[in-house]
Structures are given as structure tokens and as C-alpha cells.
Amino acid sequence: MKNGVINLKIAIMVPCYNEEQTIEKVIMDFKKELPESEIYVYDNNSKDKTFEIAKQNGAIVKKEYRQGKGNVVRSMFMDIDADIYVMVDGDDTYPAEFVHELIDPIITGEADMVIGDRLSNGTYKNENKRAFHNLGNFMVKTLINKLFSSNINDIMTGYRSFDRGFVKSMPVLSEGFEIETEISIHALDKRFLVREIPITYRDRPEGSFSKLNTFNDGLKVIRTIFTLFKDYKPLVFFSICALILFILGIAVGTPVIYEFIENKYITKLPSAVLAMGFVILSTLALSCALILDTVVKQNKRLYELHLIQMKNKEQS
């Protein structure tokens, strides 16, 4: 092994759906780079020979009957026991030779999660032929970096490495391709050490097709970001809602107030009722912001205690 570490158990996790054309090469490439690792292929109801080919090439193959990449990753995180975890797609778009650079920061303790960054060197933009994917990546990256004051280049890459603590404390809620976004947000919110390593990306070989639907899965990712924004940053989320409602209340109510000052009576009764409704909703939204912010902070305290208990258990 290039890193000189022989006592660490390394698991290569490969979620698959109809990858019979590429799965053999992916397995053999990682066997060549990390012969001492265990390669796990989780087949997600493939209609082709992905399961059989993976098994013939020496991988540990299991079936995940709940459709969706998020469901596959959830089962992988729960089932597999290792010191270092590498997650990679089974479509041969991520070169195995970068795996050493991905696991080195985990081995040295410099990172809890290492991201294989496809975007900073331009290879994803040059190789990827699917419409709007580059725009989608940019929008997701910009939004998350603004929300969490971070500077991650590639939020949605499928090539990552993790330490045991991250994997065993990650609650996977996503069912589909939004899983990478959820993992990235979880790492940022829980203050895990994150490193990015630039990698070369190559497009799928001819005859191999992506299972990612640009629009449907893109909408799911946006919905996931919206939901996680509400869950992880309720103070900001509901404060923005409160501000918008308050501005609407002022906009609708200003003519009513002006009329009352001028004439000492009100003829715009519907506007007055609507303005009052907006202001009341604004007050309720602000109350939700304060209450939920307290709940989130308490959950973070409990999560930190959970991490401490995990580490103490591993050391004992």
C-alpha cells in the first residue's frame, strides 16, 4: 500500500444500478490500487447482470430493494464495518488512482470527510455532456456555501472518503440522488473536518447511461436544500419569512394608516384586515424562529454527546 498503513480496514462502497458495462473495471481498478481493501457492491434492483458480474470479480455483493441511491448509502453506512470508507459510483467516471489522495487525510486525522473535487480543474465541465448539470452544480454550491459560510467547490460529487465516526453518526434521510447534498450539509453543520482533493473526471463510456434525471432529480435536490435549510438554520429561515410577511403587512397597511391619519376613519377595511393578518403571521414566524433555534441547539448538544460516547466506546 502506498500509504504504508496495513492495519486499517478499508471499505470501498459502490452503489450500483444497471452498471454491467463498467462494474468489472471499477472493481479491478480499486483492487489494483488497494488490494488489501474490501469492495462492497450494493445492487439496487438492476435489470442487467450487474450483480453477477460484481460477484464473479470478487466483490462483496448485496441487494438493496428500496429504490434510490440514498437508500443504498443508508444501508451501506449501517451494514459495513471499517476504519476508512470510500464511496464511489459504479459508472467508471471516477479514476481509482486518486483513492490514495482521498484516504491520506483520513489516515493522518486531518479530515473526517474528503471530497473528490471534479469541478475546480474543469474536467467535469469538459467531459459532462448532460444539459444544465454544470449550472445545477453551480447553483447548489453557491447556495450552500452562502448558507453555511463555507467554500466547498464540489457539493454533489459521488467520490468521497470518510472516517468511521462520520459514517456511524450520519443519519441518512434522503432516498435518491440528493444524498450527496445531504452528506455535505451534515458535515458543514456538525463541524466535521472537510478536505477537498482535485480529481480528474471522465464521462461515461459509450453505451452507458446516467440514471440521473436532470430536471426531476434537480428539483429533488433543490427541495432537499430548502428542507435542510429549514431544519438546520431555522432562525435564519423563519426570520426571513417573518421579514417578508412584515414588509407585506406594511405595504398593505400603509394606505390604511395614512387614510386614518387624514380622515380619522377607515374605508379600506379589507386592506386593514389583510395587513393585520400579515403582521400576526410575521410575529408567529419570528416566534417559530426563536423556539426552533433553541431546539436545534439542544439537538447539537445531544449530537456532540453522542460523538463523545462513540469515541469513548471505541477507545475502551
Protein backbone atom coordinates (compact mmCIF):
# COMPACT_ATOMS: atom_id res chain seq x y z
CA MET A 1 0.00 0.00 0.00
CA LYS A 2 1.34 3.43 -0.96
CA ASN A 3 0.46 4.93 2.41
CA GLY A 4 2.33 2.25 4.36
CA VAL A 5 -0.69 1.59 6.56
CA ILE A 6 -1.59 -2.09 6.78
CA ASN A 7 -3.69 -2.35 9.94
CA LEU A 8 -6.60 -0.19 8.87
CA LYS A 9 -9.69 -1.81 7.43
CA ILE A 10 -10.70 0.00 4.25
CA ALA A 11 -14.11 -0.45 2.63
CA ILE A 12 -14.80 0.58 -0.97
CA MET A 13 -18.55 1.22 -1.26
CA VAL A 14 -20.04 1.06 -4.76
CA PRO A 15 -23.78 1.75 -5.13
CA CYS A 16 -24.98 0.31 -8.46
CA TYR A 17 -27.98 0.29 -10.72
CA ASN A 18 -27.62 -1.25 -14.19
CA GLU A 19 -23.82 -0.90 -14.44
CA GLU A 20 -22.93 -4.21 -16.11
CA GLN A 21 -20.79 -2.42 -18.68
CA THR A 22 -18.48 -0.71 -16.16
CA ILE A 23 -18.65 -2.50 -12.80
CA GLU A 24 -15.92 -5.05 -13.62
CA LYS A 25 -13.43 -2.31 -14.48
CA VAL A 26 -14.30 -0.34 -11.35
CA ILE A 27 -13.72 -3.38 -9.13
CA MET A 28 -10.46 -4.36 -10.82
CA ASP A 29 -9.12 -0.78 -10.74
CA PHE A 30 -9.69 -0.48 -6.99
CA LYS A 31 -8.26 -3.96 -6.37
CA LYS A 32 -5.13 -2.84 -8.15
CA GLU A 33 -4.84 0.39 -6.15
CA LEU A 34 -5.89 -1.02 -2.75
CA PRO A 35 -5.51 -4.80 -2.85
CA GLU A 36 -6.00 -5.08 0.92
CA SER A 37 -9.38 -3.28 0.86
CA GLU A 38 -12.81 -4.90 0.77
CA ILE A 39 -15.04 -3.88 -2.12
CA TYR A 40 -18.78 -3.77 -1.42
CA VAL A 41 -21.20 -3.56 -4.33
CA TYR A 42 -24.81 -2.86 -3.38
CA ASP A 43 -27.11 -3.67 -6.29
CA ASN A 44 -30.25 -1.51 -6.37
CA ASN A 45 -32.70 -3.71 -8.33
CA SER A 46 -30.62 -3.81 -11.52
CA LYS A 47 -32.31 -5.25 -14.59
CA ASP A 48 -28.98 -6.35 -16.11
CA LYS A 49 -26.10 -8.55 -14.92
CA THR A 50 -24.50 -6.07 -12.51
CA PHE A 51 -24.96 -8.40 -9.53
CA GLU A 52 -23.49 -11.46 -11.26
CA ILE A 53 -20.51 -9.61 -12.76
CA ALA A 54 -19.63 -7.95 -9.45
CA LYS A 55 -19.77 -11.29 -7.65
CA GLN A 56 -17.62 -13.02 -10.29
CA ASN A 57 -14.95 -10.36 -9.81
CA GLY A 58 -14.61 -10.88 -6.08
CA ALA A 59 -16.71 -8.06 -4.65
CA ILE A 60 -18.92 -8.49 -1.60
CA VAL A 61 -22.30 -8.08 -3.26
CA LYS A 62 -25.58 -7.30 -1.54
CA LYS A 63 -29.02 -6.27 -2.76
CA GLU A 64 -30.85 -3.12 -1.70
CA TYR A 65 -34.52 -3.46 -2.62
CA ARG A 66 -35.56 0.09 -1.70
CA GLN A 67 -35.00 2.08 -4.88
CA GLY A 68 -32.79 5.16 -4.75
CA LYS A 69 -29.14 5.95 -4.14
CA GLY A 70 -29.90 7.46 -0.74
CA ASN A 71 -31.44 4.17 0.38
CA VAL A 72 -28.35 2.31 -0.83
CA VAL A 73 -25.96 4.62 1.03
CA ARG A 74 -28.10 4.35 4.16
CA SER A 75 -27.77 0.56 4.13
CA MET A 76 -24.03 0.76 3.41
CA PHE A 77 -23.43 3.10 6.33
CA MET A 78 -25.43 0.83 8.64
CA ASP A 79 -24.05 -2.53 7.48
CA ILE A 80 -20.37 -2.06 6.73
CA ASP A 81 -17.77 -2.02 9.48
CA ALA A 82 -14.43 -0.40 8.65
CA ASP A 83 -11.91 2.24 9.71
CA ILE A 84 -11.93 4.10 6.40
CA TYR A 85 -14.79 4.26 3.91
CA VAL A 86 -14.55 5.22 0.24
CA MET A 87 -17.75 5.88 -1.69
CA VAL A 88 -17.57 5.79 -5.47
CA ASP A 89 -20.08 5.37 -8.29
CA GLY A 90 -20.06 2.20 -10.36
CA ASP A 91 -20.07 4.01 -13.72
CA ASP A 92 -16.26 4.35 -14.06
CA THR A 93 -16.36 8.15 -14.11
CA TYR A 94 -14.05 8.48 -11.09
CA PRO A 95 -10.47 7.19 -11.56
CA ALA A 96 -9.38 4.74 -8.87
CA GLU A 97 -5.82 6.07 -8.79
CA PHE A 98 -6.99 9.13 -6.81
CA VAL A 99 -8.11 6.94 -3.91
CA HIS A 100 -4.73 7.28 -2.14
CA GLU A 101 -5.08 11.06 -2.07
CA LEU A 102 -8.62 10.69 -0.73
CA ILE A 103 -7.75 8.41 2.16
CA ASP A 104 -4.44 10.01 3.23
CA PRO A 105 -6.12 12.91 5.14
CA ILE A 106 -8.38 10.38 6.88
CA ILE A 107 -5.38 8.27 7.94
CA THR A 108 -3.48 11.27 9.30
CA GLY A 109 -6.54 12.64 11.09
CA GLU A 110 -6.60 15.84 9.03
CA ALA A 111 -10.15 15.20 7.82
CA ASP A 112 -13.34 13.34 8.68
CA MET A 113 -14.54 13.56 5.09
CA VAL A 114 -12.54 14.08 1.91
CA ILE A 115 -14.30 15.24 -1.25
CA GLY A 116 -13.15 14.28 -4.73
CA ASP A 117 -13.50 17.66 -6.43
CA ARG A 118 -14.39 17.31 -10.13
CA LEU A 119 -15.06 20.97 -10.78
CA SER A 120 -12.00 23.06 -9.88
CA ASN A 121 -9.79 21.67 -12.66
CA GLY A 122 -12.53 21.91 -15.32
CA THR A 123 -12.68 18.22 -16.26
CA TYR A 124 -16.34 17.84 -15.31
CA LYS A 125 -17.32 20.81 -17.45
CA ASN A 126 -15.35 19.44 -20.39
CA GLU A 127 -16.40 15.79 -20.07
CA ASN A 128 -20.01 16.02 -18.93
CA LYS A 129 -22.40 16.21 -21.89
CA ARG A 130 -25.68 16.44 -19.96
CA ALA A 131 -27.57 19.70 -20.25
CA PHE A 132 -27.84 22.03 -17.25
CA HIS A 133 -25.70 19.83 -14.94
CA ASN A 134 -22.94 22.42 -14.70
CA LEU A 135 -25.49 25.16 -13.98
CA GLY A 136 -27.16 22.98 -11.36
CA ASN A 137 -23.87 22.23 -9.62
CA PHE A 138 -23.03 25.94 -9.54
CA MET A 139 -26.41 26.92 -8.09
CA VAL A 140 -26.30 24.24 -5.37
CA LYS A 141 -22.68 25.06 -4.48
CA THR A 142 -23.35 28.80 -4.26
CA LEU A 143 -26.49 28.42 -2.15
CA ILE A 144 -24.98 26.01 0.37
CA ASN A 145 -21.74 27.97 0.70
CA LYS A 146 -23.76 31.12 1.41
CA LEU A 147 -25.95 29.38 3.98
CA PHE A 148 -23.09 27.73 5.86
CA SER A 149 -20.30 30.28 5.27
CA SER A 150 -18.20 27.60 3.59
CA ASN A 151 -16.08 27.34 0.46
CA ILE A 152 -16.66 23.86 -0.95
CA ASN A 153 -16.14 23.56 -4.71
CA ASP A 154 -17.98 20.29 -5.39
CA ILE A 155 -21.03 19.69 -3.22
CA MET A 156 -22.52 16.87 -5.32
CA THR A 157 -19.57 14.63 -6.18
CA GLY A 158 -20.05 10.89 -5.73
CA TYR A 159 -16.38 10.22 -4.91
CA ARG A 160 -15.64 10.69 -1.20
CA SER A 161 -13.85 9.12 1.75
CA PHE A 162 -14.98 9.12 5.38
CA ASP A 163 -13.73 8.07 8.76
CA ARG A 164 -15.70 5.68 10.94
CA GLY A 165 -17.04 8.40 13.23
CA PHE A 166 -18.65 10.26 10.34
CA VAL A 167 -20.28 7.19 8.80
CA LYS A 168 -21.65 5.77 12.02
CA SER A 169 -23.11 9.09 13.18
CA MET A 170 -24.63 10.20 9.87
CA PRO A 171 -28.45 9.98 9.82
CA VAL A 172 -29.35 9.38 6.17
CA LEU A 173 -32.80 10.71 5.32
CA SER A 174 -32.57 11.20 1.55
CA GLU A 175 -33.81 8.45 -0.73
CA GLY A 176 -32.33 9.45 -4.09
CA PHE A 177 -29.50 11.39 -5.74
CA GLU A 178 -29.85 14.23 -3.24
CA ILE A 179 -27.82 12.10 -0.80
CA GLU A 180 -24.54 13.87 -1.68
CA THR A 181 -26.09 17.24 -0.84
CA GLU A 182 -27.36 15.89 2.47
CA ILE A 183 -23.92 14.49 3.36
CA SER A 184 -22.23 17.81 2.55
CA ILE A 185 -24.69 19.83 4.63
CA HIS A 186 -24.41 17.40 7.53
CA ALA A 187 -20.60 17.73 7.51
CA LEU A 188 -20.75 21.52 7.46
CA ASP A 189 -23.45 21.83 10.11
CA LYS A 190 -21.78 19.39 12.53
CA ARG A 191 -18.34 20.97 12.02
CA PHE A 192 -16.60 17.88 10.71
CA LEU A 193 -13.16 18.37 9.20
CA VAL A 194 -13.61 18.52 5.43
CA ARG A 195 -10.88 18.46 2.79
CA GLU A 196 -11.17 18.66 -0.99
CA ILE A 197 -8.84 16.89 -3.39
CA PRO A 198 -8.98 17.85 -7.09
CA ILE A 199 -9.61 14.76 -9.24
CA THR A 200 -9.97 14.05 -12.92
CA TYR A 201 -13.50 13.28 -14.09
CA ARG A 202 -14.28 11.27 -17.19
CA ASP A 203 -17.66 10.88 -18.83
CA ARG A 204 -19.41 7.54 -19.02
CA PRO A 205 -18.20 5.19 -21.77
CA GLU A 206 -20.34 4.89 -24.88
CA GLY A 207 -23.37 2.72 -24.26
CA SER A 208 -23.54 3.53 -20.54
CA PHE A 209 -26.34 5.83 -19.46
CA SER A 210 -26.82 8.05 -16.42
CA LYS A 211 -29.76 7.30 -14.14
CA LEU A 212 -29.87 10.93 -13.02
CA ASN A 213 -32.85 12.82 -14.42
CA THR A 214 -31.70 16.40 -14.87
CA PHE A 215 -35.00 18.08 -14.01
CA ASN A 216 -36.72 15.64 -11.65
CA ASP A 217 -33.61 14.92 -9.58
CA GLY A 218 -32.59 18.58 -9.79
CA LEU A 219 -35.92 19.58 -8.26
CA LYS A 220 -35.42 16.95 -5.53
CA VAL A 221 -32.01 18.42 -4.72
CA ILE A 222 -33.47 21.95 -4.51
CA ARG A 223 -36.28 20.64 -2.31
CA THR A 224 -33.72 18.90 -0.10
CA ILE A 225 -31.71 22.11 0.28
CA PHE A 226 -34.89 24.01 1.15
CA THR A 227 -35.90 21.40 3.73
CA LEU A 228 -32.42 21.14 5.25
CA PHE A 229 -32.15 24.94 5.35
CA LYS A 230 -35.37 24.99 7.40
CA ASP A 231 -34.20 22.13 9.63
CA TYR A 232 -30.58 23.21 10.16
CA LYS A 233 -30.98 27.02 10.10
CA PRO A 234 -34.49 27.70 11.44
CA LEU A 235 -33.55 31.08 12.95
CA VAL A 236 -32.45 32.41 9.55
CA PHE A 237 -35.20 30.64 7.59
CA PHE A 238 -38.15 31.77 9.70
CA SER A 239 -36.66 35.24 10.29
CA ILE A 240 -36.60 35.74 6.52
CA CYS A 241 -40.22 34.55 6.37
CA ALA A 242 -41.12 36.95 9.19
CA LEU A 243 -39.41 39.86 7.45
CA ILE A 244 -41.21 39.16 4.15
CA LEU A 245 -44.58 38.94 5.90
CA PHE A 246 -43.88 42.13 7.86
CA ILE A 247 -42.96 44.02 4.69
CA LEU A 248 -46.16 42.80 3.03
CA GLY A 249 -48.13 43.92 6.08
CA ILE A 250 -46.56 47.37 5.98
CA ALA A 251 -47.12 47.65 2.21
CA VAL A 252 -50.80 46.76 2.51
CA GLY A 253 -51.38 48.69 5.74
CA THR A 254 -49.64 51.98 4.89
CA PRO A 255 -52.56 53.37 2.83
CA VAL A 256 -54.93 52.39 5.66
CA ILE A 257 -52.82 54.19 8.27
CA TYR A 258 -52.49 57.23 6.00
CA GLU A 259 -56.27 57.32 5.50
CA PHE A 260 -56.92 57.13 9.25
CA ILE A 261 -54.46 59.95 9.97
CA GLU A 262 -56.06 62.12 7.31
CA ASN A 263 -59.76 61.38 7.85
CA LYS A 264 -59.99 59.80 11.34
CA TYR A 265 -61.87 56.83 9.86
CA ILE A 266 -61.16 53.81 7.64
CA THR A 267 -62.94 52.81 4.44
CA LYS A 268 -60.32 50.22 3.36
CA LEU A 269 -61.44 47.59 5.89
CA PRO A 270 -60.33 44.53 3.81
CA SER A 271 -56.85 46.04 3.47
CA ALA A 272 -56.72 46.68 7.21
CA VAL A 273 -57.68 43.08 7.97
CA LEU A 274 -55.15 41.73 5.45
CA ALA A 275 -52.37 43.94 6.82
CA MET A 276 -53.13 42.82 10.36
CA GLY A 277 -53.07 39.19 9.19
CA PHE A 278 -49.61 39.64 7.63
CA VAL A 279 -48.26 41.26 10.81
CA ILE A 280 -49.68 38.48 13.01
CA LEU A 281 -48.17 35.81 10.74
CA SER A 282 -44.86 37.68 10.86
CA THR A 283 -44.94 37.60 14.66
CA LEU A 284 -45.74 33.88 14.65
CA ALA A 285 -42.89 33.18 12.20
CA LEU A 286 -40.45 35.06 14.42
CA SER A 287 -41.67 33.08 17.44
CA CYS A 288 -41.09 29.84 15.49
CA ALA A 289 -37.59 31.04 14.61
CA LEU A 290 -36.65 31.57 18.26
CA ILE A 291 -38.23 28.34 19.51
CA LEU A 292 -36.82 26.09 16.77
CA ASP A 293 -33.37 27.68 17.07
CA THR A 294 -33.35 26.60 20.72
CA VAL A 295 -34.44 23.07 19.71
CA VAL A 296 -31.69 22.83 17.06
CA LYS A 297 -29.03 23.98 19.53
CA GLN A 298 -30.21 21.37 22.02
CA ASN A 299 -30.04 18.68 19.31
CA LYS A 300 -26.49 19.74 18.52
CA ARG A 301 -25.53 19.35 22.16
CA LEU A 302 -27.03 15.86 22.19
CA TYR A 303 -25.21 15.02 18.96
CA GLU A 304 -21.89 16.14 20.43
CA LEU A 305 -22.51 13.97 23.47
CA HIS A 306 -23.29 11.07 21.12
CA LEU A 307 -19.94 11.58 19.35
CA ILE A 308 -18.12 11.62 22.67
CA GLN A 309 -19.81 8.39 23.72
CA MET A 310 -18.87 6.78 20.39
CA LYS A 311 -15.22 7.74 20.78
CA ASN A 312 -15.09 6.59 24.39
CA LYS A 313 -16.65 3.26 23.39
CA GLU A 314 -14.10 2.74 20.59
CA GLN A 315 -11.19 3.56 22.90
CA SER A 316 -12.35 1.27 25.70
